[in-house]
Amino acid sequence: MNRRLALLTLPLLLAVGGCTTGATDEPPPRPAAAERPSPFEDCGGLSTAPTAGPAATTPATGGAALPELTLACFTGGAPVALRSVAGPAVINVWASWCPPCRKELPAFQRLSDRAAGRLQVVGVNSRDSRAGAQSIGEDFGVRFPILVDQGEALQRELNRVAIPLTLFVDAQGRIRHIDATGALDDARLAKLVNTHLGLTVPV
């Protein structure tokens, strides 16, 4: 009788034992940011001027040159001299902890997509953690190249404190306008690009 009872209970014990191997229904933990591929493009093409589409109509005079700064690229590789970024370009200074920055970043990605070949969109991640910046890129689908400015050197050179901050740079590398009005949407971005860089971008 005892042997029969043991044979009947053995499958039950094995089944229960199989549930203690650590298998759960929970998804595996997300790898650390350093272990995940960067969502952003590399910075290798930033010194190549956009060539496709109609040229900008902004005159070549006026505006201040970009500051003489060299910043790291988020994806690694050689540091980038800010003055080597070929215009026309829109340079957006942002951080993952800044709510208006998070709100407007998707609009900058859409601008990058719509104006590809005519305009460069570049991000400058300021006073932020790598994990925070990477998570924002992944969650918001941001892919344009990102430079890293942990010491706020660009803001200091421009005598600006608050972010988001957006620079509109013409084909001669001169700053035509700096916008610090808060989160920009698609329509406002398109209007600023047209007004200060002479490019028409569909919305």
N, C-alpha and C. Protein backbone atom coordinates (compact mmCIF):
# COMPACT_ATOMS: atom_id res chain seq x y z
N MET A 1 0.83 -1.20 0.00
CA MET A 1 0.00 0.00 0.00
C MET A 1 0.87 1.27 0.00
N ASN A 2 1.92 1.19 0.88
CA ASN A 2 2.80 2.36 0.95
C ASN A 2 3.52 2.58 -0.37
N ARG A 3 3.90 1.46 -1.02
CA ARG A 3 4.59 1.59 -2.31
C ARG A 3 3.66 2.17 -3.36
N ARG A 4 2.40 1.75 -3.34
CA ARG A 4 1.43 2.26 -4.30
C ARG A 4 1.19 3.75 -4.08
N LEU A 5 1.08 4.14 -2.83
CA LEU A 5 0.88 5.56 -2.51
C LEU A 5 2.09 6.39 -2.96
N ALA A 6 3.27 5.84 -2.77
CA ALA A 6 4.47 6.57 -3.20
C ALA A 6 4.51 6.76 -4.71
N LEU A 7 4.11 5.73 -5.45
CA LEU A 7 4.09 5.84 -6.91
C LEU A 7 3.08 6.87 -7.39
N LEU A 8 1.96 6.98 -6.68
CA LEU A 8 0.93 7.96 -7.06
C LEU A 8 1.36 9.39 -6.76
N THR A 9 2.10 9.56 -5.68
CA THR A 9 2.48 10.93 -5.29
C THR A 9 3.75 11.41 -5.96
N LEU A 10 4.55 10.50 -6.52
CA LEU A 10 5.82 10.90 -7.16
C LEU A 10 5.63 11.92 -8.29
N PRO A 11 4.68 11.73 -9.25
CA PRO A 11 4.50 12.75 -10.30
C PRO A 11 4.13 14.11 -9.74
N LEU A 12 3.31 14.11 -8.66
CA LEU A 12 2.93 15.37 -8.06
C LEU A 12 4.14 16.09 -7.47
N LEU A 13 4.98 15.35 -6.78
CA LEU A 13 6.18 15.95 -6.22
C LEU A 13 7.12 16.48 -7.30
N LEU A 14 7.25 15.74 -8.40
CA LEU A 14 8.10 16.19 -9.51
C LEU A 14 7.55 17.47 -10.14
N ALA A 15 6.23 17.52 -10.28
CA ALA A 15 5.61 18.70 -10.87
C ALA A 15 5.83 19.92 -10.00
N VAL A 16 5.64 19.74 -8.68
CA VAL A 16 5.85 20.84 -7.75
C VAL A 16 7.31 21.26 -7.77
N GLY A 17 8.19 20.26 -7.82
CA GLY A 17 9.61 20.56 -7.84
C GLY A 17 10.00 21.36 -9.07
N GLY A 18 9.34 21.15 -10.22
CA GLY A 18 9.65 21.87 -11.44
C GLY A 18 9.30 23.34 -11.36
N CYS A 19 8.41 23.74 -10.47
CA CYS A 19 8.00 25.14 -10.33
C CYS A 19 8.98 25.94 -9.48
N THR A 20 9.96 25.27 -8.92
CA THR A 20 10.89 25.99 -8.04
C THR A 20 12.22 26.28 -8.73
N THR A 21 12.27 26.16 -10.04
CA THR A 21 13.53 26.37 -10.76
C THR A 21 13.80 27.85 -11.03
N GLY A 22 12.88 28.71 -10.62
CA GLY A 22 13.08 30.14 -10.84
C GLY A 22 12.32 30.66 -12.04
N ALA A 23 11.62 29.79 -12.79
CA ALA A 23 10.85 30.25 -13.94
C ALA A 23 9.64 31.03 -13.46
N THR A 24 9.42 32.21 -14.03
CA THR A 24 8.26 33.04 -13.68
C THR A 24 7.64 33.58 -14.96
N ASP A 25 6.48 34.19 -14.79
CA ASP A 25 5.80 34.81 -15.93
C ASP A 25 6.29 36.24 -16.17
N GLU A 26 7.15 36.77 -15.28
CA GLU A 26 7.62 38.14 -15.43
C GLU A 26 8.64 38.23 -16.55
N PRO A 27 8.64 39.35 -17.31
CA PRO A 27 9.64 39.51 -18.37
C PRO A 27 11.03 39.65 -17.77
N PRO A 28 12.05 39.28 -18.53
CA PRO A 28 13.42 39.44 -18.01
C PRO A 28 13.73 40.91 -17.80
N PRO A 29 14.61 41.22 -16.84
CA PRO A 29 14.94 42.64 -16.60
C PRO A 29 15.59 43.26 -17.82
N ARG A 30 15.36 44.57 -18.00
CA ARG A 30 15.95 45.31 -19.11
C ARG A 30 17.44 45.44 -18.89
N PRO A 31 18.25 45.14 -19.90
CA PRO A 31 19.70 45.29 -19.73
C PRO A 31 20.06 46.74 -19.41
N ALA A 32 21.18 46.92 -18.73
CA ALA A 32 21.66 48.26 -18.42
C ALA A 32 21.92 49.02 -19.71
N ALA A 33 21.83 50.36 -19.63
CA ALA A 33 21.98 51.21 -20.82
C ALA A 33 23.31 50.94 -21.52
N ALA A 34 24.37 50.70 -20.74
CA ALA A 34 25.68 50.48 -21.34
C ALA A 34 25.73 49.19 -22.16
N GLU A 35 24.79 48.27 -21.89
CA GLU A 35 24.78 46.99 -22.59
C GLU A 35 23.86 47.01 -23.81
N ARG A 36 23.06 48.07 -23.96
CA ARG A 36 22.13 48.15 -25.08
C ARG A 36 22.73 49.01 -26.19
N PRO A 37 22.42 48.71 -27.46
CA PRO A 37 22.93 49.56 -28.54
C PRO A 37 22.30 50.95 -28.46
N SER A 38 23.07 51.95 -28.84
CA SER A 38 22.57 53.32 -28.82
C SER A 38 21.46 53.50 -29.85
N PRO A 39 20.37 54.21 -29.50
CA PRO A 39 19.33 54.47 -30.49
C PRO A 39 19.72 55.58 -31.46
N PHE A 40 20.75 56.35 -31.12
CA PHE A 40 21.11 57.53 -31.90
C PHE A 40 22.09 57.18 -33.03
N GLU A 41 22.04 57.99 -34.09
CA GLU A 41 23.00 57.83 -35.19
C GLU A 41 24.38 58.29 -34.73
N ASP A 42 25.41 57.77 -35.40
CA ASP A 42 26.75 58.25 -35.06
C ASP A 42 26.95 59.65 -35.65
N CYS A 43 28.04 60.28 -35.26
CA CYS A 43 28.27 61.68 -35.61
C CYS A 43 29.18 61.85 -36.82
N GLY A 44 29.51 60.75 -37.48
CA GLY A 44 30.47 60.80 -38.58
C GLY A 44 30.07 61.69 -39.73
N GLY A 45 28.78 61.86 -39.98
CA GLY A 45 28.34 62.66 -41.13
C GLY A 45 28.05 64.11 -40.84
N LEU A 46 28.31 64.56 -39.60
CA LEU A 46 27.93 65.93 -39.24
C LEU A 46 28.71 67.01 -39.97
N SER A 47 29.90 66.68 -40.45
CA SER A 47 30.69 67.69 -41.15
C SER A 47 30.41 67.72 -42.65
N THR A 48 29.50 66.86 -43.10
CA THR A 48 29.12 66.84 -44.52
C THR A 48 27.86 67.66 -44.71
N ALA A 49 27.93 68.65 -45.57
CA ALA A 49 26.79 69.55 -45.76
C ALA A 49 25.63 68.84 -46.45
N PRO A 50 24.40 69.14 -46.04
CA PRO A 50 23.24 68.63 -46.76
C PRO A 50 23.29 69.11 -48.20
N THR A 51 22.87 68.26 -49.14
CA THR A 51 22.98 68.61 -50.55
C THR A 51 21.69 68.46 -51.33
N ALA A 52 20.75 67.67 -50.83
CA ALA A 52 19.54 67.39 -51.61
C ALA A 52 18.54 68.52 -51.47
N GLY A 53 17.66 68.62 -52.45
CA GLY A 53 16.56 69.58 -52.38
C GLY A 53 17.00 71.00 -52.69
N PRO A 54 16.02 71.93 -52.71
CA PRO A 54 16.33 73.32 -53.00
C PRO A 54 17.20 73.95 -51.93
N ALA A 55 18.06 74.85 -52.34
CA ALA A 55 18.97 75.51 -51.41
C ALA A 55 18.22 76.51 -50.55
N ALA A 56 18.79 76.78 -49.38
CA ALA A 56 18.22 77.80 -48.51
C ALA A 56 18.38 79.18 -49.14
N THR A 57 17.47 80.08 -48.82
CA THR A 57 17.50 81.42 -49.42
C THR A 57 18.02 82.48 -48.45
N THR A 58 18.46 82.08 -47.26
CA THR A 58 18.95 83.03 -46.28
C THR A 58 20.23 83.69 -46.78
N PRO A 59 20.36 85.01 -46.70
CA PRO A 59 21.59 85.66 -47.12
C PRO A 59 22.77 85.22 -46.26
N ALA A 60 23.98 85.36 -46.79
CA ALA A 60 25.18 84.83 -46.14
C ALA A 60 25.78 85.77 -45.10
N THR A 61 25.16 86.90 -44.82
CA THR A 61 25.73 87.84 -43.87
C THR A 61 24.95 87.82 -42.56
N GLY A 62 25.63 88.28 -41.47
CA GLY A 62 24.96 88.38 -40.18
C GLY A 62 25.05 87.09 -39.39
N GLY A 63 24.74 87.21 -38.09
CA GLY A 63 24.78 86.05 -37.22
C GLY A 63 26.15 85.79 -36.65
N ALA A 64 26.18 85.18 -35.47
CA ALA A 64 27.45 84.85 -34.82
C ALA A 64 27.86 83.43 -35.16
N ALA A 65 29.16 83.20 -35.18
CA ALA A 65 29.66 81.85 -35.43
C ALA A 65 29.37 80.96 -34.23
N LEU A 66 29.27 79.66 -34.48
CA LEU A 66 29.12 78.71 -33.39
C LEU A 66 30.34 78.80 -32.48
N PRO A 67 30.17 78.57 -31.18
CA PRO A 67 31.33 78.62 -30.27
C PRO A 67 32.39 77.59 -30.64
N GLU A 68 33.63 77.89 -30.29
CA GLU A 68 34.73 76.95 -30.52
C GLU A 68 34.75 75.91 -29.40
N LEU A 69 33.91 74.91 -29.54
CA LEU A 69 33.80 73.84 -28.55
C LEU A 69 33.98 72.50 -29.23
N THR A 70 34.52 71.55 -28.51
CA THR A 70 34.60 70.18 -28.98
C THR A 70 33.86 69.30 -28.00
N LEU A 71 32.88 68.55 -28.50
CA LEU A 71 32.02 67.73 -27.65
C LEU A 71 32.12 66.26 -28.05
N ALA A 72 31.91 65.39 -27.08
CA ALA A 72 31.90 63.96 -27.35
C ALA A 72 30.62 63.58 -28.09
N CYS A 73 30.70 62.52 -28.88
CA CYS A 73 29.51 61.97 -29.53
C CYS A 73 28.95 60.87 -28.64
N PHE A 74 27.64 60.81 -28.50
CA PHE A 74 27.01 59.82 -27.62
C PHE A 74 27.40 58.40 -28.00
N THR A 75 27.55 58.14 -29.30
CA THR A 75 27.85 56.79 -29.76
C THR A 75 29.35 56.46 -29.71
N GLY A 76 30.18 57.41 -29.29
CA GLY A 76 31.62 57.19 -29.23
C GLY A 76 32.31 57.72 -30.47
N GLY A 77 33.53 57.29 -30.67
CA GLY A 77 34.30 57.78 -31.81
C GLY A 77 34.97 59.10 -31.49
N ALA A 78 35.45 59.76 -32.53
CA ALA A 78 36.19 61.01 -32.35
C ALA A 78 35.28 62.12 -31.85
N PRO A 79 35.77 62.98 -30.95
CA PRO A 79 35.00 64.15 -30.53
C PRO A 79 34.69 65.04 -31.73
N VAL A 80 33.65 65.84 -31.60
CA VAL A 80 33.18 66.67 -32.71
C VAL A 80 33.38 68.15 -32.38
N ALA A 81 34.09 68.86 -33.25
CA ALA A 81 34.20 70.31 -33.12
C ALA A 81 32.87 70.91 -33.57
N LEU A 82 32.25 71.68 -32.70
CA LEU A 82 30.92 72.22 -33.01
C LEU A 82 30.92 73.02 -34.30
N ARG A 83 32.01 73.74 -34.54
CA ARG A 83 32.09 74.56 -35.77
C ARG A 83 32.23 73.72 -37.03
N SER A 84 32.50 72.42 -36.86
CA SER A 84 32.61 71.55 -38.05
C SER A 84 31.24 71.01 -38.48
N VAL A 85 30.20 71.23 -37.67
CA VAL A 85 28.86 70.78 -38.04
C VAL A 85 28.40 71.61 -39.24
N ALA A 86 28.15 70.95 -40.35
CA ALA A 86 27.80 71.64 -41.58
C ALA A 86 26.33 72.03 -41.59
N GLY A 87 26.07 73.29 -41.87
CA GLY A 87 24.70 73.77 -41.94
C GLY A 87 24.15 73.68 -43.35
N PRO A 88 22.87 73.99 -43.49
CA PRO A 88 21.98 74.43 -42.42
C PRO A 88 21.71 73.33 -41.41
N ALA A 89 21.59 73.75 -40.14
CA ALA A 89 21.40 72.79 -39.07
C ALA A 89 20.51 73.39 -37.98
N VAL A 90 19.82 72.49 -37.30
CA VAL A 90 19.06 72.85 -36.11
C VAL A 90 19.68 72.06 -34.96
N ILE A 91 20.18 72.77 -33.94
CA ILE A 91 20.87 72.14 -32.82
C ILE A 91 20.00 72.33 -31.58
N ASN A 92 19.56 71.22 -31.01
CA ASN A 92 18.65 71.26 -29.86
C ASN A 92 19.37 70.78 -28.61
N VAL A 93 19.40 71.64 -27.58
CA VAL A 93 20.01 71.30 -26.30
C VAL A 93 18.91 70.77 -25.38
N TRP A 94 19.12 69.57 -24.83
CA TRP A 94 18.05 68.91 -24.07
C TRP A 94 18.63 68.02 -22.98
N ALA A 95 17.73 67.55 -22.10
CA ALA A 95 18.09 66.58 -21.06
C ALA A 95 16.86 65.74 -20.76
N SER A 96 17.08 64.52 -20.31
CA SER A 96 15.96 63.62 -20.05
C SER A 96 15.12 64.06 -18.85
N TRP A 97 15.71 64.84 -17.94
CA TRP A 97 14.98 65.29 -16.74
C TRP A 97 14.16 66.55 -16.98
N CYS A 98 14.20 67.08 -18.19
CA CYS A 98 13.53 68.34 -18.54
C CYS A 98 12.21 68.05 -19.26
N PRO A 99 11.05 68.26 -18.62
CA PRO A 99 9.76 67.92 -19.25
C PRO A 99 9.52 68.57 -20.61
N PRO A 100 9.80 69.89 -20.79
CA PRO A 100 9.59 70.46 -22.15
C PRO A 100 10.49 69.83 -23.20
N CYS A 101 11.71 69.42 -22.78
CA CYS A 101 12.61 68.74 -23.72
C CYS A 101 12.00 67.44 -24.20
N ARG A 102 11.50 66.66 -23.26
CA ARG A 102 10.89 65.38 -23.62
C ARG A 102 9.68 65.59 -24.53
N LYS A 103 8.92 66.65 -24.26
CA LYS A 103 7.73 66.92 -25.05
C LYS A 103 8.06 67.25 -26.50
N GLU A 104 9.15 67.98 -26.73
CA GLU A 104 9.44 68.45 -28.09
C GLU A 104 10.33 67.52 -28.90
N LEU A 105 11.04 66.60 -28.26
CA LEU A 105 11.99 65.75 -28.99
C LEU A 105 11.36 64.99 -30.16
N PRO A 106 10.15 64.42 -30.03
CA PRO A 106 9.57 63.75 -31.20
C PRO A 106 9.38 64.69 -32.39
N ALA A 107 9.08 65.97 -32.14
CA ALA A 107 8.92 66.93 -33.24
C ALA A 107 10.26 67.15 -33.95
N PHE A 108 11.36 67.13 -33.20
CA PHE A 108 12.68 67.27 -33.83
C PHE A 108 13.02 66.05 -34.67
N GLN A 109 12.60 64.86 -34.21
CA GLN A 109 12.84 63.67 -35.02
C GLN A 109 12.03 63.74 -36.31
N ARG A 110 10.78 64.20 -36.22
CA ARG A 110 9.96 64.33 -37.44
C ARG A 110 10.56 65.37 -38.38
N LEU A 111 11.10 66.46 -37.83
CA LEU A 111 11.78 67.46 -38.66
C LEU A 111 12.98 66.82 -39.36
N SER A 112 13.75 66.03 -38.63
CA SER A 112 14.90 65.35 -39.21
C SER A 112 14.48 64.44 -40.36
N ASP A 113 13.37 63.74 -40.18
CA ASP A 113 12.87 62.83 -41.22
C ASP A 113 12.40 63.61 -42.45
N ARG A 114 11.64 64.69 -42.22
CA ARG A 114 11.03 65.43 -43.33
C ARG A 114 12.06 66.25 -44.11
N ALA A 115 13.10 66.72 -43.41
CA ALA A 115 14.08 67.60 -44.05
C ALA A 115 15.38 66.88 -44.37
N ALA A 116 15.35 65.56 -44.36
CA ALA A 116 16.57 64.78 -44.61
C ALA A 116 17.21 65.19 -45.93
N GLY A 117 18.52 65.43 -45.91
CA GLY A 117 19.24 65.83 -47.11
C GLY A 117 19.26 67.33 -47.34
N ARG A 118 18.42 68.07 -46.61
CA ARG A 118 18.38 69.53 -46.77
C ARG A 118 18.79 70.24 -45.50
N LEU A 119 18.72 69.54 -44.38
CA LEU A 119 18.91 70.16 -43.07
C LEU A 119 19.40 69.08 -42.10
N GLN A 120 20.34 69.44 -41.25
CA GLN A 120 20.78 68.50 -40.22
C GLN A 120 20.12 68.85 -38.90
N VAL A 121 19.65 67.83 -38.19
CA VAL A 121 19.15 68.00 -36.83
C VAL A 121 20.14 67.31 -35.91
N VAL A 122 20.63 68.07 -34.93
CA VAL A 122 21.65 67.56 -34.00
C VAL A 122 21.18 67.84 -32.58
N GLY A 123 21.33 66.87 -31.70
CA GLY A 123 21.01 67.08 -30.29
C GLY A 123 22.28 67.30 -29.49
N VAL A 124 22.16 68.10 -28.44
CA VAL A 124 23.24 68.26 -27.46
C VAL A 124 22.64 67.90 -26.11
N ASN A 125 23.04 66.76 -25.58
CA ASN A 125 22.52 66.28 -24.30
C ASN A 125 23.31 66.95 -23.18
N SER A 126 22.61 67.70 -22.33
CA SER A 126 23.28 68.54 -21.34
C SER A 126 23.00 68.08 -19.91
N ARG A 127 24.07 67.98 -19.11
CA ARG A 127 23.96 67.67 -17.68
C ARG A 127 22.97 66.54 -17.42
N ASP A 128 23.22 65.40 -18.02
CA ASP A 128 22.29 64.28 -17.98
C ASP A 128 23.06 62.99 -17.73
N SER A 129 22.36 61.94 -17.36
CA SER A 129 22.98 60.62 -17.25
C SER A 129 22.88 59.91 -18.59
N ARG A 130 23.83 59.05 -18.86
CA ARG A 130 23.80 58.29 -20.10
C ARG A 130 22.55 57.41 -20.15
N ALA A 131 22.22 56.78 -19.03
CA ALA A 131 21.05 55.91 -18.99
C ALA A 131 19.77 56.69 -19.27
N GLY A 132 19.65 57.89 -18.69
CA GLY A 132 18.46 58.71 -18.92
C GLY A 132 18.32 59.13 -20.36
N ALA A 133 19.44 59.57 -20.96
CA ALA A 133 19.41 60.00 -22.36
C ALA A 133 19.08 58.83 -23.28
N GLN A 134 19.69 57.68 -23.03
CA GLN A 134 19.44 56.52 -23.88
C GLN A 134 17.99 56.06 -23.78
N SER A 135 17.44 56.06 -22.57
CA SER A 135 16.05 55.64 -22.40
C SER A 135 15.09 56.56 -23.16
N ILE A 136 15.36 57.86 -23.12
CA ILE A 136 14.52 58.80 -23.85
C ILE A 136 14.60 58.52 -25.35
N GLY A 137 15.82 58.29 -25.85
CA GLY A 137 15.98 57.97 -27.27
C GLY A 137 15.20 56.73 -27.66
N GLU A 138 15.27 55.71 -26.82
CA GLU A 138 14.56 54.47 -27.11
C GLU A 138 13.05 54.65 -27.02
N ASP A 139 12.59 55.32 -25.98
CA ASP A 139 11.15 55.44 -25.75
C ASP A 139 10.47 56.39 -26.73
N PHE A 140 11.20 57.42 -27.19
CA PHE A 140 10.60 58.43 -28.06
C PHE A 140 11.00 58.26 -29.52
N GLY A 141 11.80 57.26 -29.83
CA GLY A 141 12.18 57.02 -31.22
C GLY A 141 13.10 58.08 -31.79
N VAL A 142 13.95 58.67 -30.95
CA VAL A 142 14.88 59.71 -31.39
C VAL A 142 16.13 59.03 -31.96
N ARG A 143 16.49 59.39 -33.19
CA ARG A 143 17.60 58.71 -33.86
C ARG A 143 18.69 59.67 -34.35
N PHE A 144 18.42 60.97 -34.41
CA PHE A 144 19.43 61.88 -34.96
C PHE A 144 20.66 61.92 -34.04
N PRO A 145 21.81 62.36 -34.55
CA PRO A 145 23.06 62.33 -33.76
C PRO A 145 22.98 63.20 -32.51
N ILE A 146 23.60 62.72 -31.45
CA ILE A 146 23.59 63.41 -30.16
C ILE A 146 25.02 63.66 -29.70
N LEU A 147 25.33 64.92 -29.39
CA LEU A 147 26.58 65.29 -28.75
C LEU A 147 26.34 65.39 -27.25
N VAL A 148 27.40 65.26 -26.46
CA VAL A 148 27.27 65.23 -25.00
C VAL A 148 28.00 66.43 -24.41
N ASP A 149 27.29 67.19 -23.56
CA ASP A 149 27.84 68.40 -22.94
C ASP A 149 27.50 68.40 -21.45
N GLN A 150 28.20 67.56 -20.69
CA GLN A 150 27.87 67.42 -19.27
C GLN A 150 28.20 68.67 -18.46
N GLY A 151 29.12 69.48 -18.94
CA GLY A 151 29.51 70.68 -18.20
C GLY A 151 28.77 71.94 -18.61
N GLU A 152 27.76 71.82 -19.47
CA GLU A 152 26.98 72.97 -19.95
C GLU A 152 27.86 74.02 -20.62
N ALA A 153 28.91 73.58 -21.29
CA ALA A 153 29.84 74.53 -21.93
C ALA A 153 29.14 75.36 -23.00
N LEU A 154 28.28 74.72 -23.80
CA LEU A 154 27.59 75.45 -24.86
C LEU A 154 26.68 76.52 -24.28
N GLN A 155 25.94 76.17 -23.23
CA GLN A 155 25.05 77.16 -22.62
C GLN A 155 25.84 78.33 -22.04
N ARG A 156 26.97 78.03 -21.44
CA ARG A 156 27.80 79.11 -20.89
C ARG A 156 28.31 80.02 -21.99
N GLU A 157 28.76 79.43 -23.11
CA GLU A 157 29.26 80.24 -24.23
C GLU A 157 28.16 81.14 -24.80
N LEU A 158 26.93 80.67 -24.75
CA LEU A 158 25.80 81.43 -25.29
C LEU A 158 25.14 82.32 -24.25
N ASN A 159 25.64 82.28 -23.01
CA ASN A 159 25.05 83.03 -21.90
C ASN A 159 23.57 82.68 -21.71
N ARG A 160 23.29 81.39 -21.79
CA ARG A 160 21.94 80.88 -21.61
C ARG A 160 21.95 79.85 -20.49
N VAL A 161 20.89 79.85 -19.69
CA VAL A 161 20.82 78.92 -18.57
C VAL A 161 19.78 77.84 -18.81
N ALA A 162 18.59 78.25 -19.19
CA ALA A 162 17.47 77.31 -19.28
C ALA A 162 17.55 76.44 -20.53
N ILE A 163 16.99 75.25 -20.43
CA ILE A 163 16.77 74.39 -21.58
C ILE A 163 15.29 73.99 -21.57
N PRO A 164 14.72 73.62 -22.70
CA PRO A 164 15.37 73.40 -23.99
C PRO A 164 15.82 74.70 -24.65
N LEU A 165 16.83 74.53 -25.48
CA LEU A 165 17.43 75.65 -26.19
C LEU A 165 17.70 75.16 -27.61
N THR A 166 17.27 75.95 -28.61
CA THR A 166 17.43 75.49 -30.00
C THR A 166 18.12 76.56 -30.83
N LEU A 167 19.19 76.14 -31.51
CA LEU A 167 19.97 77.03 -32.38
C LEU A 167 19.64 76.73 -33.83
N PHE A 168 19.42 77.78 -34.61
CA PHE A 168 19.18 77.66 -36.04
C PHE A 168 20.42 78.20 -36.75
N VAL A 169 21.15 77.30 -37.41
CA VAL A 169 22.47 77.62 -37.96
C VAL A 169 22.40 77.54 -39.48
N ASP A 170 22.89 78.59 -40.15
CA ASP A 170 22.79 78.63 -41.61
C ASP A 170 23.92 77.84 -42.27
N ALA A 171 23.94 77.85 -43.59
CA ALA A 171 24.92 77.05 -44.35
C ALA A 171 26.34 77.56 -44.17
N GLN A 172 26.50 78.78 -43.68
CA GLN A 172 27.84 79.32 -43.42
C GLN A 172 28.27 79.08 -41.97
N GLY A 173 27.48 78.33 -41.22
CA GLY A 173 27.83 78.01 -39.84
C GLY A 173 27.57 79.12 -38.85
N ARG A 174 26.69 80.06 -39.21
CA ARG A 174 26.39 81.18 -38.33
C ARG A 174 25.02 81.01 -37.69
N ILE A 175 24.94 81.37 -36.41
CA ILE A 175 23.68 81.23 -35.66
C ILE A 175 22.73 82.33 -36.08
N ARG A 176 21.62 81.96 -36.67
CA ARG A 176 20.62 82.94 -37.13
C ARG A 176 19.59 83.25 -36.07
N HIS A 177 19.36 82.28 -35.16
CA HIS A 177 18.33 82.48 -34.15
C HIS A 177 18.55 81.47 -33.03
N ILE A 178 18.27 81.89 -31.80
CA ILE A 178 18.27 80.98 -30.65
C ILE A 178 16.89 81.04 -30.04
N ASP A 179 16.25 79.89 -29.94
CA ASP A 179 14.90 79.84 -29.38
C ASP A 179 14.93 79.22 -28.00
N ALA A 180 14.32 79.91 -27.03
CA ALA A 180 14.24 79.40 -25.66
C ALA A 180 12.83 79.61 -25.12
N THR A 181 11.84 79.45 -26.00
CA THR A 181 10.45 79.73 -25.63
C THR A 181 9.73 78.54 -25.02
N GLY A 182 10.42 77.40 -24.88
CA GLY A 182 9.76 76.21 -24.35
C GLY A 182 9.60 75.16 -25.42
N ALA A 183 8.73 74.19 -25.16
CA ALA A 183 8.57 73.06 -26.07
C ALA A 183 8.04 73.52 -27.43
N LEU A 184 8.75 73.15 -28.49
CA LEU A 184 8.34 73.50 -29.85
C LEU A 184 7.56 72.34 -30.46
N ASP A 185 6.53 72.68 -31.24
CA ASP A 185 5.79 71.64 -31.96
C ASP A 185 6.17 71.68 -33.43
N ASP A 186 5.57 70.80 -34.22
CA ASP A 186 5.92 70.69 -35.64
C ASP A 186 5.73 71.99 -36.40
N ALA A 187 4.59 72.64 -36.19
CA ALA A 187 4.29 73.86 -36.93
C ALA A 187 5.24 74.99 -36.57
N ARG A 188 5.52 75.15 -35.29
CA ARG A 188 6.43 76.21 -34.85
C ARG A 188 7.85 75.96 -35.36
N LEU A 189 8.29 74.71 -35.31
CA LEU A 189 9.62 74.37 -35.82
C LEU A 189 9.73 74.69 -37.31
N ALA A 190 8.71 74.29 -38.06
CA ALA A 190 8.73 74.54 -39.51
C ALA A 190 8.78 76.04 -39.80
N LYS A 191 8.04 76.82 -39.02
CA LYS A 191 8.02 78.27 -39.22
C LYS A 191 9.39 78.88 -38.90
N LEU A 192 10.02 78.44 -37.83
CA LEU A 192 11.34 78.95 -37.45
C LEU A 192 12.39 78.59 -38.49
N VAL A 193 12.33 77.37 -39.01
CA VAL A 193 13.26 76.95 -40.05
C VAL A 193 13.09 77.80 -41.31
N ASN A 194 11.85 78.08 -41.67
CA ASN A 194 11.60 78.90 -42.85
C ASN A 194 12.04 80.34 -42.64
N THR A 195 11.72 80.89 -41.46
CA THR A 195 12.04 82.30 -41.20
C THR A 195 13.54 82.54 -41.10
N HIS A 196 14.25 81.65 -40.42
CA HIS A 196 15.66 81.92 -40.12
C HIS A 196 16.65 81.19 -41.01
N LEU A 197 16.21 80.12 -41.67
CA LEU A 197 17.12 79.38 -42.55
C LEU A 197 16.67 79.37 -43.99
N GLY A 198 15.49 79.91 -44.27
CA GLY A 198 15.02 80.01 -45.64
C GLY A 198 14.62 78.68 -46.27
N LEU A 199 14.33 77.67 -45.45
CA LEU A 199 13.92 76.37 -45.95
C LEU A 199 12.45 76.12 -45.65
N THR A 200 11.74 75.60 -46.65
CA THR A 200 10.35 75.23 -46.45
C THR A 200 10.27 73.74 -46.14
N VAL A 201 9.73 73.44 -44.97
CA VAL A 201 9.60 72.04 -44.53
C VAL A 201 8.13 71.72 -44.36
N PRO A 202 7.64 70.67 -45.01
CA PRO A 202 6.22 70.31 -44.85
C PRO A 202 5.93 69.90 -43.41
N VAL A 203 4.72 70.17 -42.98
CA VAL A 203 4.29 69.80 -41.62
C VAL A 203 3.34 68.63 -41.70
